[in-house]
Amino acid sequence: MSVVEGQVHGAQFRTEQQRDISETVCTFRVERYDDSRNRVQLIPVEMRGYRLEGSISDGDWVRGTGRMKSGTFHMTEVENLTTGAGVRAKRIPRIALVFVFFALILAFMIWGAVQMFGTG
């Protein structure tokens, strides 16, 4: 895990639909400055989860943890140093995904059995 700290610019929120699961996506840039207030680094950031807890706005100073992937820093957790709020991307627990997967398989098997041996 890496840590990035700087000022938020261009914060945008959207919802994406993937299969039957809705996911909230927050994108923004973290801009880092030197002591003379010259921008020294610009880092594109993305947070995604079925729900985002907390808030981020343009101009907020943040510190976040995550990993760089394909030129974008994927944050999992952010501390909003301006407001003191914690921001987290909540993910669907893996056990819930496994349960849904097996429920779909069972439903398909029941549907197949009804088609094969159903009333006719």
PDB file of N, CA and C in Angstrom:
ATOM      1  N   MET A   1       0.838  -1.185   0.000  1.00  0.00           N
ATOM      2  CA  MET A   1       0.000   0.000   0.000  1.00  0.00           C
ATOM      3  C   MET A   1       0.882   1.248   0.000  1.00  0.00           C
ATOM      4  N   SER A   2       0.444   2.246  -0.737  1.00  0.00           N
ATOM      5  CA  SER A   2       1.119   3.531  -0.794  1.00  0.00           C
ATOM      6  C   SER A   2       0.214   4.598  -0.200  1.00  0.00           C
ATOM      7  N   VAL A   3       0.801   5.733   0.141  1.00  0.00           N
ATOM      8  CA  VAL A   3       0.049   6.854   0.699  1.00  0.00           C
ATOM      9  C   VAL A   3       0.238   8.062  -0.204  1.00  0.00           C
ATOM     10  N   VAL A   4      -0.859   8.761  -0.489  1.00  0.00           N
ATOM     11  CA  VAL A   4      -0.840   9.983  -1.289  1.00  0.00           C
ATOM     12  C   VAL A   4      -1.519  11.071  -0.478  1.00  0.00           C
ATOM     13  N   GLU A   5      -0.926  12.272  -0.482  1.00  0.00           N
ATOM     14  CA  GLU A   5      -1.508  13.398   0.231  1.00  0.00           C
ATOM     15  C   GLU A   5      -1.478  14.624  -0.664  1.00  0.00           C
ATOM     16  N   GLY A   6      -2.563  15.403  -0.642  1.00  0.00           N
ATOM     17  CA  GLY A   6      -2.624  16.631  -1.435  1.00  0.00           C
ATOM     18  C   GLY A   6      -4.015  17.197  -1.449  1.00  0.00           C
ATOM     19  N   GLN A   7      -4.252  18.125  -2.380  1.00  0.00           N
ATOM     20  CA  GLN A   7      -5.522  18.826  -2.483  1.00  0.00           C
ATOM     21  C   GLN A   7      -6.383  18.214  -3.584  1.00  0.00           C
ATOM     22  N   VAL A   8      -7.680  18.065  -3.293  1.00  0.00           N
ATOM     23  CA  VAL A   8      -8.629  17.460  -4.223  1.00  0.00           C
ATOM     24  C   VAL A   8      -9.077  18.487  -5.263  1.00  0.00           C
ATOM     25  N   HIS A   9      -9.084  18.061  -6.528  1.00  0.00           N
ATOM     26  CA  HIS A   9      -9.610  18.878  -7.621  1.00  0.00           C
ATOM     27  C   HIS A   9     -10.386  17.988  -8.573  1.00  0.00           C
ATOM     28  N   GLY A  10     -11.494  18.491  -9.095  1.00  0.00           N
ATOM     29  CA  GLY A  10     -12.272  17.764 -10.100  1.00  0.00           C
ATOM     30  C   GLY A  10     -13.023  16.564  -9.572  1.00  0.00           C
ATOM     31  N   ALA A  11     -13.498  16.617  -8.317  1.00  0.00           N
ATOM     32  CA  ALA A  11     -14.221  15.472  -7.742  1.00  0.00           C
ATOM     33  C   ALA A  11     -15.527  15.235  -8.489  1.00  0.00           C
ATOM     34  N   GLN A  12     -15.732  13.981  -8.921  1.00  0.00           N
ATOM     35  CA  GLN A  12     -16.950  13.585  -9.624  1.00  0.00           C
ATOM     36  C   GLN A  12     -17.427  12.251  -9.080  1.00  0.00           C
ATOM     37  N   PHE A  13     -18.740  12.104  -8.994  1.00  0.00           N
ATOM     38  CA  PHE A  13     -19.346  10.868  -8.516  1.00  0.00           C
ATOM     39  C   PHE A  13     -20.286  10.344  -9.589  1.00  0.00           C
ATOM     40  N   ARG A  14     -20.278   9.020  -9.776  1.00  0.00           N
ATOM     41  CA  ARG A  14     -21.193   8.396 -10.726  1.00  0.00           C
ATOM     42  C   ARG A  14     -21.516   6.987 -10.228  1.00  0.00           C
ATOM     43  N   THR A  15     -22.542   6.406 -10.822  1.00  0.00           N
ATOM     44  CA  THR A  15     -22.929   5.032 -10.503  1.00  0.00           C
ATOM     45  C   THR A  15     -22.769   4.197 -11.758  1.00  0.00           C
ATOM     46  N   GLU A  16     -22.140   3.037 -11.625  1.00  0.00           N
ATOM     47  CA  GLU A  16     -21.966   2.109 -12.736  1.00  0.00           C
ATOM     48  C   GLU A  16     -22.704   0.819 -12.424  1.00  0.00           C
ATOM     49  N   GLN A  17     -23.308   0.252 -13.441  1.00  0.00           N
ATOM     50  CA  GLN A  17     -24.006  -1.017 -13.313  1.00  0.00           C
ATOM     51  C   GLN A  17     -23.150  -2.103 -13.938  1.00  0.00           C
ATOM     52  N   GLN A  18     -22.782  -3.126 -13.164  1.00  0.00           N
ATOM     53  CA  GLN A  18     -22.025  -4.275 -13.664  1.00  0.00           C
ATOM     54  C   GLN A  18     -22.789  -5.528 -13.281  1.00  0.00           C
ATOM     55  N   ARG A  19     -23.285  -6.212 -14.294  1.00  0.00           N
ATOM     56  CA  ARG A  19     -24.172  -7.362 -14.098  1.00  0.00           C
ATOM     57  C   ARG A  19     -25.377  -6.900 -13.288  1.00  0.00           C
ATOM     58  N   ASP A  20     -25.621  -7.479 -12.142  1.00  0.00           N
ATOM     59  CA  ASP A  20     -26.757  -7.091 -11.303  1.00  0.00           C
ATOM     60  C   ASP A  20     -26.316  -6.233 -10.126  1.00  0.00           C
ATOM     61  N   ILE A  21     -25.079  -5.757 -10.150  1.00  0.00           N
ATOM     62  CA  ILE A  21     -24.535  -5.019  -9.013  1.00  0.00           C
ATOM     63  C   ILE A  21     -24.271  -3.580  -9.410  1.00  0.00           C
ATOM     64  N   SER A  22     -24.758  -2.658  -8.594  1.00  0.00           N
ATOM     65  CA  SER A  22     -24.523  -1.236  -8.804  1.00  0.00           C
ATOM     66  C   SER A  22     -23.307  -0.817  -7.980  1.00  0.00           C
ATOM     67  N   GLU A  23     -22.444   0.007  -8.558  1.00  0.00           N
ATOM     68  CA  GLU A  23     -21.218   0.412  -7.890  1.00  0.00           C
ATOM     69  C   GLU A  23     -21.073   1.929  -7.979  1.00  0.00           C
ATOM     70  N   THR A  24     -20.725   2.569  -6.861  1.00  0.00           N
ATOM     71  CA  THR A  24     -20.482   4.004  -6.829  1.00  0.00           C
ATOM     72  C   THR A  24     -19.004   4.242  -7.110  1.00  0.00           C
ATOM     73  N   VAL A  25     -18.727   5.204  -7.998  1.00  0.00           N
ATOM     74  CA  VAL A  25     -17.349   5.520  -8.381  1.00  0.00           C
ATOM     75  C   VAL A  25     -17.112   7.003  -8.122  1.00  0.00           C
ATOM     76  N   CYS A  26     -16.019   7.296  -7.435  1.00  0.00           N
ATOM     77  CA  CYS A  26     -15.595   8.674  -7.203  1.00  0.00           C
ATOM     78  C   CYS A  26     -14.228   8.851  -7.855  1.00  0.00           C
ATOM     79  N   THR A  27     -14.116   9.856  -8.714  1.00  0.00           N
ATOM     80  CA  THR A  27     -12.828  10.159  -9.341  1.00  0.00           C
ATOM     81  C   THR A  27     -12.463  11.604  -9.022  1.00  0.00           C
ATOM     82  N   PHE A  28     -11.174  11.838  -8.858  1.00  0.00           N
ATOM     83  CA  PHE A  28     -10.663  13.186  -8.625  1.00  0.00           C
ATOM     84  C   PHE A  28      -9.164  13.184  -8.845  1.00  0.00           C
ATOM     85  N   ARG A  29      -8.575  14.362  -8.782  1.00  0.00           N
ATOM     86  CA  ARG A  29      -7.127  14.490  -8.863  1.00  0.00           C
ATOM     87  C   ARG A  29      -6.618  14.959  -7.510  1.00  0.00           C
ATOM     88  N   VAL A  30      -5.488  14.419  -7.093  1.00  0.00           N
ATOM     89  CA  VAL A  30      -4.794  14.927  -5.921  1.00  0.00           C
ATOM     90  C   VAL A  30      -3.605  15.723  -6.439  1.00  0.00           C
ATOM     91  N   GLU A  31      -3.597  17.019  -6.105  1.00  0.00           N
ATOM     92  CA  GLU A  31      -2.512  17.889  -6.538  1.00  0.00           C
ATOM     93  C   GLU A  31      -1.616  18.174  -5.346  1.00  0.00           C
ATOM     94  N   ARG A  32      -0.325  17.985  -5.570  1.00  0.00           N
ATOM     95  CA  ARG A  32       0.667  18.215  -4.517  1.00  0.00           C
ATOM     96  C   ARG A  32       1.455  19.466  -4.859  1.00  0.00           C
ATOM     97  N   TYR A  33       1.786  20.244  -3.841  1.00  0.00           N
ATOM     98  CA  TYR A  33       2.462  21.527  -4.026  1.00  0.00           C
ATOM     99  C   TYR A  33       3.740  21.581  -3.208  1.00  0.00           C
ATOM    100  N   ASP A  34       4.700  22.395  -3.668  1.00  0.00           N
ATOM    101  CA  ASP A  34       5.909  22.625  -2.879  1.00  0.00           C
ATOM    102  C   ASP A  34       5.662  23.808  -1.937  1.00  0.00           C
ATOM    103  N   ASP A  35       6.680  24.204  -1.188  1.00  0.00           N
ATOM    104  CA  ASP A  35       6.527  25.282  -0.208  1.00  0.00           C
ATOM    105  C   ASP A  35       6.198  26.628  -0.853  1.00  0.00           C
ATOM    106  N   SER A  36       6.510  26.807  -2.125  1.00  0.00           N
ATOM    107  CA  SER A  36       6.222  28.058  -2.832  1.00  0.00           C
ATOM    108  C   SER A  36       4.850  28.022  -3.508  1.00  0.00           C
ATOM    109  N   ARG A  37       4.058  26.997  -3.209  1.00  0.00           N
ATOM    110  CA  ARG A  37       2.727  26.791  -3.770  1.00  0.00           C
ATOM    111  C   ARG A  37       2.731  26.492  -5.267  1.00  0.00           C
ATOM    112  N   ASN A  38       3.835  25.944  -5.754  1.00  0.00           N
ATOM    113  CA  ASN A  38       3.917  25.485  -7.142  1.00  0.00           C
ATOM    114  C   ASN A  38       3.487  24.019  -7.182  1.00  0.00           C
ATOM    115  N   ARG A  39       2.617  23.688  -8.147  1.00  0.00           N
ATOM    116  CA  ARG A  39       2.184  22.295  -8.251  1.00  0.00           C
ATOM    117  C   ARG A  39       3.358  21.454  -8.714  1.00  0.00           C
ATOM    118  N   VAL A  40       3.642  20.381  -7.964  1.00  0.00           N
ATOM    119  CA  VAL A  40       4.772  19.519  -8.298  1.00  0.00           C
ATOM    120  C   VAL A  40       4.330  18.133  -8.757  1.00  0.00           C
ATOM    121  N   GLN A  41       3.086  17.773  -8.458  1.00  0.00           N
ATOM    122  CA  GLN A  41       2.628  16.440  -8.852  1.00  0.00           C
ATOM    123  C   GLN A  41       1.107  16.437  -8.976  1.00  0.00           C
ATOM    124  N   LEU A  42       0.613  15.716  -9.972  1.00  0.00           N
ATOM    125  CA  LEU A  42      -0.818  15.564 -10.218  1.00  0.00           C
ATOM    126  C   LEU A  42      -1.100  14.068 -10.291  1.00  0.00           C
ATOM    127  N   ILE A  43      -1.961  13.569  -9.400  1.00  0.00           N
ATOM    128  CA  ILE A  43      -2.231  12.130  -9.325  1.00  0.00           C
ATOM    129  C   ILE A  43      -3.718  11.875  -9.551  1.00  0.00           C
ATOM    130  N   PRO A  44      -4.091  11.167 -10.642  1.00  0.00           N
ATOM    131  CA  PRO A  44      -5.492  10.800 -10.826  1.00  0.00           C
ATOM    132  C   PRO A  44      -5.876   9.700  -9.836  1.00  0.00           C
ATOM    133  N   VAL A  45      -7.052   9.844  -9.239  1.00  0.00           N
ATOM    134  CA  VAL A  45      -7.502   8.925  -8.179  1.00  0.00           C
ATOM    135  C   VAL A  45      -8.879   8.379  -8.520  1.00  0.00           C
ATOM    136  N   GLU A  46      -9.081   7.124  -8.144  1.00  0.00           N
ATOM    137  CA  GLU A  46     -10.395   6.509  -8.273  1.00  0.00           C
ATOM    138  C   GLU A  46     -10.700   5.731  -7.002  1.00  0.00           C
ATOM    139  N   MET A  47     -11.931   5.886  -6.517  1.00  0.00           N
ATOM    140  CA  MET A  47     -12.450   5.065  -5.416  1.00  0.00           C
ATOM    141  C   MET A  47     -13.733   4.433  -5.928  1.00  0.00           C
ATOM    142  N   ARG A  48     -13.929   3.149  -5.644  1.00  0.00           N
ATOM    143  CA  ARG A  48     -15.162   2.501  -6.062  1.00  0.00           C
ATOM    144  C   ARG A  48     -15.596   1.466  -5.040  1.00  0.00           C
ATOM    145  N   GLY A  49     -16.901   1.323  -4.897  1.00  0.00           N
ATOM    146  CA  GLY A  49     -17.495   0.360  -3.985  1.00  0.00           C
ATOM    147  C   GLY A  49     -19.003   0.405  -4.142  1.00  0.00           C
ATOM    148  N   TYR A  50     -19.711  -0.507  -3.485  1.00  0.00           N
ATOM    149  CA  TYR A  50     -21.163  -0.477  -3.603  1.00  0.00           C
ATOM    150  C   TYR A  50     -21.724   0.716  -2.858  1.00  0.00           C
ATOM    151  N   ARG A  51     -20.882   1.301  -1.973  1.00  0.00           N
ATOM    152  CA  ARG A  51     -21.281   2.502  -1.243  1.00  0.00           C
ATOM    153  C   ARG A  51     -20.020   3.226  -0.796  1.00  0.00           C
ATOM    154  N   LEU A  52     -20.047   4.559  -0.849  1.00  0.00           N
ATOM    155  CA  LEU A  52     -18.951   5.369  -0.321  1.00  0.00           C
ATOM    156  C   LEU A  52     -19.445   6.056   0.943  1.00  0.00           C
ATOM    157  N   GLU A  53     -18.701   5.914   2.020  1.00  0.00           N
ATOM    158  CA  GLU A  53     -19.045   6.570   3.274  1.00  0.00           C
ATOM    159  C   GLU A  53     -18.129   7.757   3.473  1.00  0.00           C
ATOM    160  N   GLY A  54     -18.692   8.907   3.820  1.00  0.00           N
ATOM    161  CA  GLY A  54     -17.908  10.114   4.012  1.00  0.00           C
ATOM    162  C   GLY A  54     -18.053  11.029   2.814  1.00  0.00           C
ATOM    163  N   SER A  55     -17.329  12.146   2.839  1.00  0.00           N
ATOM    164  CA  SER A  55     -17.449  13.080   1.723  1.00  0.00           C
ATOM    165  C   SER A  55     -16.105  13.694   1.365  1.00  0.00           C
ATOM    166  N   ILE A  56     -15.991  14.014   0.084  1.00  0.00           N
ATOM    167  CA  ILE A  56     -14.808  14.670  -0.472  1.00  0.00           C
ATOM    168  C   ILE A  56     -15.329  15.768  -1.393  1.00  0.00           C
ATOM    169  N   SER A  57     -14.735  16.950  -1.297  1.00  0.00           N
ATOM    170  CA  SER A  57     -15.116  18.062  -2.164  1.00  0.00           C
ATOM    171  C   SER A  57     -13.869  18.721  -2.719  1.00  0.00           C
ATOM    172  N   ASP A  58     -14.039  19.427  -3.823  1.00  0.00           N
ATOM    173  CA  ASP A  58     -12.928  20.178  -4.400  1.00  0.00           C
ATOM    174  C   ASP A  58     -12.330  21.115  -3.345  1.00  0.00           C
ATOM    175  N   GLY A  59     -11.020  21.155  -3.300  1.00  0.00           N
ATOM    176  CA  GLY A  59     -10.317  22.021  -2.367  1.00  0.00           C
ATOM    177  C   GLY A  59      -9.944  21.357  -1.062  1.00  0.00           C
ATOM    178  N   ASP A  60     -10.559  20.212  -0.729  1.00  0.00           N
ATOM    179  CA  ASP A  60     -10.215  19.498   0.504  1.00  0.00           C
ATOM    180  C   ASP A  60      -8.795  18.972   0.428  1.00  0.00           C
ATOM    181  N   TRP A  61      -8.123  18.955   1.566  1.00  0.00           N
ATOM    182  CA  TRP A  61      -6.797  18.363   1.670  1.00  0.00           C
ATOM    183  C   TRP A  61      -6.999  16.945   2.194  1.00  0.00           C
ATOM    184  N   VAL A  62      -6.475  15.938   1.483  1.00  0.00           N
ATOM    185  CA  VAL A  62      -6.716  14.540   1.840  1.00  0.00           C
ATOM    186  C   VAL A  62      -5.417  13.753   1.917  1.00  0.00           C
ATOM    187  N   ARG A  63      -5.483  12.655   2.651  1.00  0.00           N
ATOM    188  CA  ARG A  63      -4.407  11.658   2.697  1.00  0.00           C
ATOM    189  C   ARG A  63      -5.078  10.311   2.510  1.00  0.00           C
ATOM    190  N   GLY A  64      -4.659   9.563   1.475  1.00  0.00           N
ATOM    191  CA  GLY A  64      -5.308   8.296   1.177  1.00  0.00           C
ATOM    192  C   GLY A  64      -4.332   7.172   0.936  1.00  0.00           C
ATOM    193  N   THR A  65      -4.809   5.957   1.180  1.00  0.00           N
ATOM    194  CA  THR A  65      -3.997   4.767   0.943  1.00  0.00           C
ATOM    195  C   THR A  65      -4.585   3.989  -0.227  1.00  0.00           C
ATOM    196  N   GLY A  66      -3.721   3.297  -0.938  1.00  0.00           N
ATOM    197  CA  GLY A  66      -4.162   2.488  -2.059  1.00  0.00           C
ATOM    198  C   GLY A  66      -2.996   2.017  -2.888  1.00  0.00           C
ATOM    199  N   ARG A  67      -3.290   1.714  -4.158  1.00  0.00           N
ATOM    200  CA  ARG A  67      -2.267   1.197  -5.075  1.00  0.00           C
ATOM    201  C   ARG A  67      -2.395   1.891  -6.435  1.00  0.00           C
ATOM    202  N   MET A  68      -1.257   2.105  -7.069  1.00  0.00           N
ATOM    203  CA  MET A  68      -1.218   2.657  -8.419  1.00  0.00           C
ATOM    204  C   MET A  68      -1.462   1.521  -9.404  1.00  0.00           C
ATOM    205  N   LYS A  69      -2.388   1.735 -10.339  1.00  0.00           N
ATOM    206  CA  LYS A  69      -2.689   0.719 -11.348  1.00  0.00           C
ATOM    207  C   LYS A  69      -3.048   1.436 -12.645  1.00  0.00           C
ATOM    208  N   SER A  70      -2.304   1.175 -13.690  1.00  0.00           N
ATOM    209  CA  SER A  70      -2.537   1.749 -15.015  1.00  0.00           C
ATOM    210  C   SER A  70      -2.600   3.274 -14.986  1.00  0.00           C
ATOM    211  N   GLY A  71      -1.736   3.887 -14.203  1.00  0.00           N
ATOM    212  CA  GLY A  71      -1.653   5.336 -14.158  1.00  0.00           C
ATOM    213  C   GLY A  71      -2.659   6.023 -13.261  1.00  0.00           C
ATOM    214  N   THR A  72      -3.487   5.249 -12.571  1.00  0.00           N
ATOM    215  CA  THR A  72      -4.483   5.805 -11.659  1.00  0.00           C
ATOM    216  C   THR A  72      -4.265   5.217 -10.272  1.00  0.00           C
ATOM    217  N   PHE A  73      -4.326   6.082  -9.263  1.00  0.00           N
ATOM    218  CA  PHE A  73      -4.165   5.634  -7.884  1.00  0.00           C
ATOM    219  C   PHE A  73      -5.535   5.184  -7.382  1.00  0.00           C
ATOM    220  N   HIS A  74      -5.683   3.905  -7.077  1.00  0.00           N
ATOM    221  CA  HIS A  74      -6.938   3.330  -6.599  1.00  0.00           C
ATOM    222  C   HIS A  74      -6.943   3.368  -5.075  1.00  0.00           C
ATOM    223  N   MET A  75      -7.662   4.345  -4.531  1.00  0.00           N
ATOM    224  CA  MET A  75      -7.722   4.520  -3.073  1.00  0.00           C
ATOM    225  C   MET A  75      -8.792   3.623  -2.487  1.00  0.00           C
ATOM    226  N   THR A  76      -8.484   3.097  -1.319  1.00  0.00           N
ATOM    227  CA  THR A  76      -9.458   2.298  -0.590  1.00  0.00           C
ATOM    228  C   THR A  76      -9.956   3.035   0.641  1.00  0.00           C
ATOM    229  N   GLU A  77      -9.149   3.958   1.121  1.00  0.00           N
ATOM    230  CA  GLU A  77      -9.488   4.694   2.331  1.00  0.00           C
ATOM    231  C   GLU A  77      -8.852   6.078   2.264  1.00  0.00           C
ATOM    232  N   VAL A  78      -9.616   7.102   2.674  1.00  0.00           N
ATOM    233  CA  VAL A  78      -9.140   8.476   2.614  1.00  0.00           C
ATOM    234  C   VAL A  78      -9.430   9.159   3.940  1.00  0.00           C
ATOM    235  N   GLU A  79      -8.472   9.926   4.398  1.00  0.00           N
ATOM    236  CA  GLU A  79      -8.696  10.795   5.552  1.00  0.00           C
ATOM    237  C   GLU A  79      -8.811  12.211   5.008  1.00  0.00           C
ATOM    238  N   ASN A  80      -9.966  12.833   5.192  1.00  0.00           N
ATOM    239  CA  ASN A  80     -10.181  14.204   4.749  1.00  0.00           C
ATOM    240  C   ASN A  80      -9.612  15.106   5.842  1.00  0.00           C
ATOM    241  N   LEU A  81      -8.426  15.642   5.605  1.00  0.00           N
ATOM    242  CA  LEU A  81      -7.736  16.438   6.618  1.00  0.00           C
ATOM    243  C   LEU A  81      -8.405  17.800   6.812  1.00  0.00           C
ATOM    244  N   THR A  82      -9.176  18.260   5.836  1.00  0.00           N
ATOM    245  CA  THR A  82      -9.881  19.531   5.949  1.00  0.00           C
ATOM    246  C   THR A  82     -11.057  19.420   6.914  1.00  0.00           C
ATOM    247  N   THR A  83     -11.832  18.353   6.784  1.00  0.00           N
ATOM    248  CA  THR A  83     -13.044  18.202   7.607  1.00  0.00           C
ATOM    249  C   THR A  83     -12.873  17.241   8.768  1.00  0.00           C
ATOM    250  N   GLY A  84     -11.824  16.428   8.727  1.00  0.00           N
ATOM    251  CA  GLY A  84     -11.626  15.410   9.762  1.00  0.00           C
ATOM    252  C   GLY A  84     -12.410  14.140   9.511  1.00  0.00           C
ATOM    253  N   ALA A  85     -13.124  14.077   8.395  1.00  0.00           N
ATOM    254  CA  ALA A  85     -13.951  12.906   8.083  1.00  0.00           C
ATOM    255  C   ALA A  85     -13.113  11.781   7.491  1.00  0.00           C
ATOM    256  N   GLY A  86     -13.507  10.560   7.781  1.00  0.00           N
ATOM    257  CA  GLY A  86     -12.933   9.391   7.130  1.00  0.00           C
ATOM    258  C   GLY A  86     -13.816   9.023   5.954  1.00  0.00           C
ATOM    259  N   VAL A  87     -13.224   8.645   4.852  1.00  0.00           N
ATOM    260  CA  VAL A  87     -13.976   8.259   3.659  1.00  0.00           C
ATOM    261  C   VAL A  87     -13.543   6.849   3.286  1.00  0.00           C
ATOM    262  N   ARG A  88     -14.531   5.964   3.110  1.00  0.00           N
ATOM    263  CA  ARG A  88     -14.232   4.567   2.774  1.00  0.00           C
ATOM    264  C   ARG A  88     -15.105   4.092   1.639  1.00  0.00           C
ATOM    265  N   ALA A  89     -14.514   3.280   0.798  1.00  0.00           N
ATOM    266  CA  ALA A  89     -15.257   2.604  -0.265  1.00  0.00           C
ATOM    267  C   ALA A  89     -15.649   1.240   0.284  1.00  0.00           C
ATOM    268  N   LYS A  90     -16.938   1.038   0.512  1.00  0.00           N
ATOM    269  CA  LYS A  90     -17.427  -0.235   1.031  1.00  0.00           C
ATOM    270  C   LYS A  90     -17.576  -1.218  -0.113  1.00  0.00           C
ATOM    271  N   ARG A  91     -17.007  -2.378   0.038  1.00  0.00           N
ATOM    272  CA  ARG A  91     -17.097  -3.443  -0.969  1.00  0.00           C
ATOM    273  C   ARG A  91     -18.098  -4.482  -0.492  1.00  0.00           C
ATOM    274  N   ILE A  92     -18.653  -5.207  -1.439  1.00  0.00           N
ATOM    275  CA  ILE A  92     -19.548  -6.309  -1.093  1.00  0.00           C
ATOM    276  C   ILE A  92     -18.685  -7.443  -0.553  1.00  0.00           C
ATOM    277  N   PRO A  93     -19.025  -7.967   0.630  1.00  0.00           N
ATOM    278  CA  PRO A  93     -18.228  -9.063   1.191  1.00  0.00           C
ATOM    279  C   PRO A  93     -18.196 -10.259   0.243  1.00  0.00           C
ATOM    280  N   ARG A  94     -17.053 -10.896   0.143  1.00  0.00           N
ATOM    281  CA  ARG A  94     -16.893 -12.039  -0.760  1.00  0.00           C
ATOM    282  C   ARG A  94     -17.872 -13.164  -0.447  1.00  0.00           C
ATOM    283  N   ILE A  95     -18.176 -13.376   0.828  1.00  0.00           N
ATOM    284  CA  ILE A  95     -19.105 -14.448   1.192  1.00  0.00           C
ATOM    285  C   ILE A  95     -20.479 -14.180   0.582  1.00  0.00           C
ATOM    286  N   ALA A  96     -20.879 -12.907   0.493  1.00  0.00           N
ATOM    287  CA  ALA A  96     -22.171 -12.567  -0.122  1.00  0.00           C
ATOM    288  C   ALA A  96     -22.142 -12.883  -1.611  1.00  0.00           C
ATOM    289  N   LEU A  97     -21.021 -12.582  -2.271  1.00  0.00           N
ATOM    290  CA  LEU A  97     -20.902 -12.892  -3.699  1.00  0.00           C
ATOM    291  C   LEU A  97     -20.943 -14.397  -3.941  1.00  0.00           C
ATOM    292  N   VAL A  98     -20.284 -15.172  -3.084  1.00  0.00           N
ATOM    293  CA  VAL A  98     -20.297 -16.636  -3.206  1.00  0.00           C
ATOM    294  C   VAL A  98     -21.719 -17.154  -3.016  1.00  0.00           C
ATOM    295  N   PHE A  99     -22.437 -16.614  -2.019  1.00  0.00           N
ATOM    296  CA  PHE A  99     -23.815 -17.026  -1.768  1.00  0.00           C
ATOM    297  C   PHE A  99     -24.692 -16.752  -2.987  1.00  0.00           C
ATOM    298  N   VAL A 100     -24.580 -15.570  -3.574  1.00  0.00           N
ATOM    299  CA  VAL A 100     -25.374 -15.210  -4.755  1.00  0.00           C
ATOM    300  C   VAL A 100     -25.031 -16.132  -5.924  1.00  0.00           C
ATOM    301  N   PHE A 101     -23.751 -16.428  -6.112  1.00  0.00           N
ATOM    302  CA  PHE A 101     -23.320 -17.311  -7.184  1.00  0.00           C
ATOM    303  C   PHE A 101     -23.961 -18.691  -7.044  1.00  0.00           C
ATOM    304  N   PHE A 102     -23.902 -19.269  -5.840  1.00  0.00           N
ATOM    305  CA  PHE A 102     -24.483 -20.590  -5.637  1.00  0.00           C
ATOM    306  C   PHE A 102     -26.006 -20.563  -5.716  1.00  0.00           C
ATOM    307  N   ALA A 103     -26.628 -19.476  -5.295  1.00  0.00           N
ATOM    308  CA  ALA A 103     -28.082 -19.346  -5.413  1.00  0.00           C
ATOM    309  C   ALA A 103     -28.498 -19.319  -6.882  1.00  0.00           C
ATOM    310  N   LEU A 104     -27.716 -18.642  -7.710  1.00  0.00           N
ATOM    311  CA  LEU A 104     -28.019 -18.611  -9.147  1.00  0.00           C
ATOM    312  C   LEU A 104     -27.856 -19.994  -9.782  1.00  0.00           C
ATOM    313  N   ILE A 105     -26.819 -20.711  -9.390  1.00  0.00           N
ATOM    314  CA  ILE A 105     -26.618 -22.073  -9.912  1.00  0.00           C
ATOM    315  C   ILE A 105     -27.783 -22.972  -9.500  1.00  0.00           C
ATOM    316  N   LEU A 106     -28.200 -22.886  -8.236  1.00  0.00           N
ATOM    317  CA  LEU A 106     -29.314 -23.693  -7.752  1.00  0.00           C
ATOM    318  C   LEU A 106     -30.599 -23.348  -8.503  1.00  0.00           C
ATOM    319  N   ALA A 107     -30.856 -22.067  -8.714  1.00  0.00           N
ATOM    320  CA  ALA A 107     -32.056 -21.648  -9.447  1.00  0.00           C
ATOM    321  C   ALA A 107     -32.027 -22.186 -10.880  1.00  0.00           C
ATOM    322  N   PHE A 108     -30.856 -22.157 -11.514  1.00  0.00           N
ATOM    323  CA  PHE A 108     -30.725 -22.681 -12.875  1.00  0.00           C
ATOM    324  C   PHE A 108     -30.982 -24.186 -12.892  1.00  0.00           C
ATOM    325  N   MET A 109     -30.475 -24.910 -11.901  1.00  0.00           N
ATOM    326  CA  MET A 109     -30.686 -26.363 -11.838  1.00  0.00           C
ATOM    327  C   MET A 109     -32.160 -26.682 -11.625  1.00  0.00           C
ATOM    328  N   ILE A 110     -32.826 -25.921 -10.781  1.00  0.00           N
ATOM    329  CA  ILE A 110     -34.262 -26.151 -10.546  1.00  0.00           C
ATOM    330  C   ILE A 110     -35.043 -25.855 -11.810  1.00  0.00           C
ATOM    331  N   TRP A 111     -34.708 -24.758 -12.488  1.00  0.00           N
ATOM    332  CA  TRP A 111     -35.380 -24.414 -13.747  1.00  0.00           C
ATOM    333  C   TRP A 111     -35.185 -25.532 -14.776  1.00  0.00           C
ATOM    334  N   GLY A 112     -33.967 -26.073 -14.863  1.00  0.00           N
ATOM    335  CA  GLY A 112     -33.685 -27.165 -15.788  1.00  0.00           C
ATOM    336  C   GLY A 112     -34.486 -28.414 -15.459  1.00  0.00           C
ATOM    337  N   ALA A 113     -34.586 -28.718 -14.165  1.00  0.00           N
ATOM    338  CA  ALA A 113     -35.346 -29.898 -13.756  1.00  0.00           C
ATOM    339  C   ALA A 113     -36.835 -29.719 -14.072  1.00  0.00           C
ATOM    340  N   VAL A 114     -37.368 -28.529 -13.850  1.00  0.00           N
ATOM    341  CA  VAL A 114     -38.768 -28.270 -14.164  1.00  0.00           C
ATOM    342  C   VAL A 114     -38.998 -28.393 -15.674  1.00  0.00           C
ATOM    343  N   GLN A 115     -38.075 -27.906 -16.468  1.00  0.00           N
ATOM    344  CA  GLN A 115     -38.206 -28.001 -17.925  1.00  0.00           C
ATOM    345  C   GLN A 115     -38.165 -29.463 -18.396  1.00  0.00           C
ATOM    346  N   MET A 116     -37.292 -30.243 -17.743  1.00  0.00           N
ATOM    347  CA  MET A 116     -37.108 -31.624 -18.169  1.00  0.00           C
ATOM    348  C   MET A 116     -38.232 -32.542 -17.683  1.00  0.00           C
ATOM    349  N   PHE A 117     -38.630 -32.356 -16.402  1.00  0.00           N
ATOM    350  CA  PHE A 117     -39.589 -33.287 -15.818  1.00  0.00           C
ATOM    351  C   PHE A 117     -40.935 -32.632 -15.531  1.00  0.00           C
ATOM    352  N   GLY A 118     -41.107 -31.403 -15.964  1.00  0.00           N
ATOM    353  CA  GLY A 118     -42.320 -30.639 -15.660  1.00  0.00           C
ATOM    354  C   GLY A 118     -43.566 -31.255 -16.257  1.00  0.00           C
ATOM    355  N   THR A 119     -44.653 -30.663 -15.878  1.00  0.00           N
ATOM    356  CA  THR A 119     -45.946 -31.151 -16.377  1.00  0.00           C
ATOM    357  C   THR A 119     -46.035 -30.926 -17.874  1.00  0.00           C
ATOM    358  N   GLY A 120     -46.617 -31.779 -18.529  1.00  0.00           N
ATOM    359  CA  GLY A 120     -46.677 -31.638 -19.969  1.00  0.00           C
ATOM    360  C   GLY A 120     -47.763 -32.385 -20.524  1.00  0.00           C
TER     361      GLY A 120
END
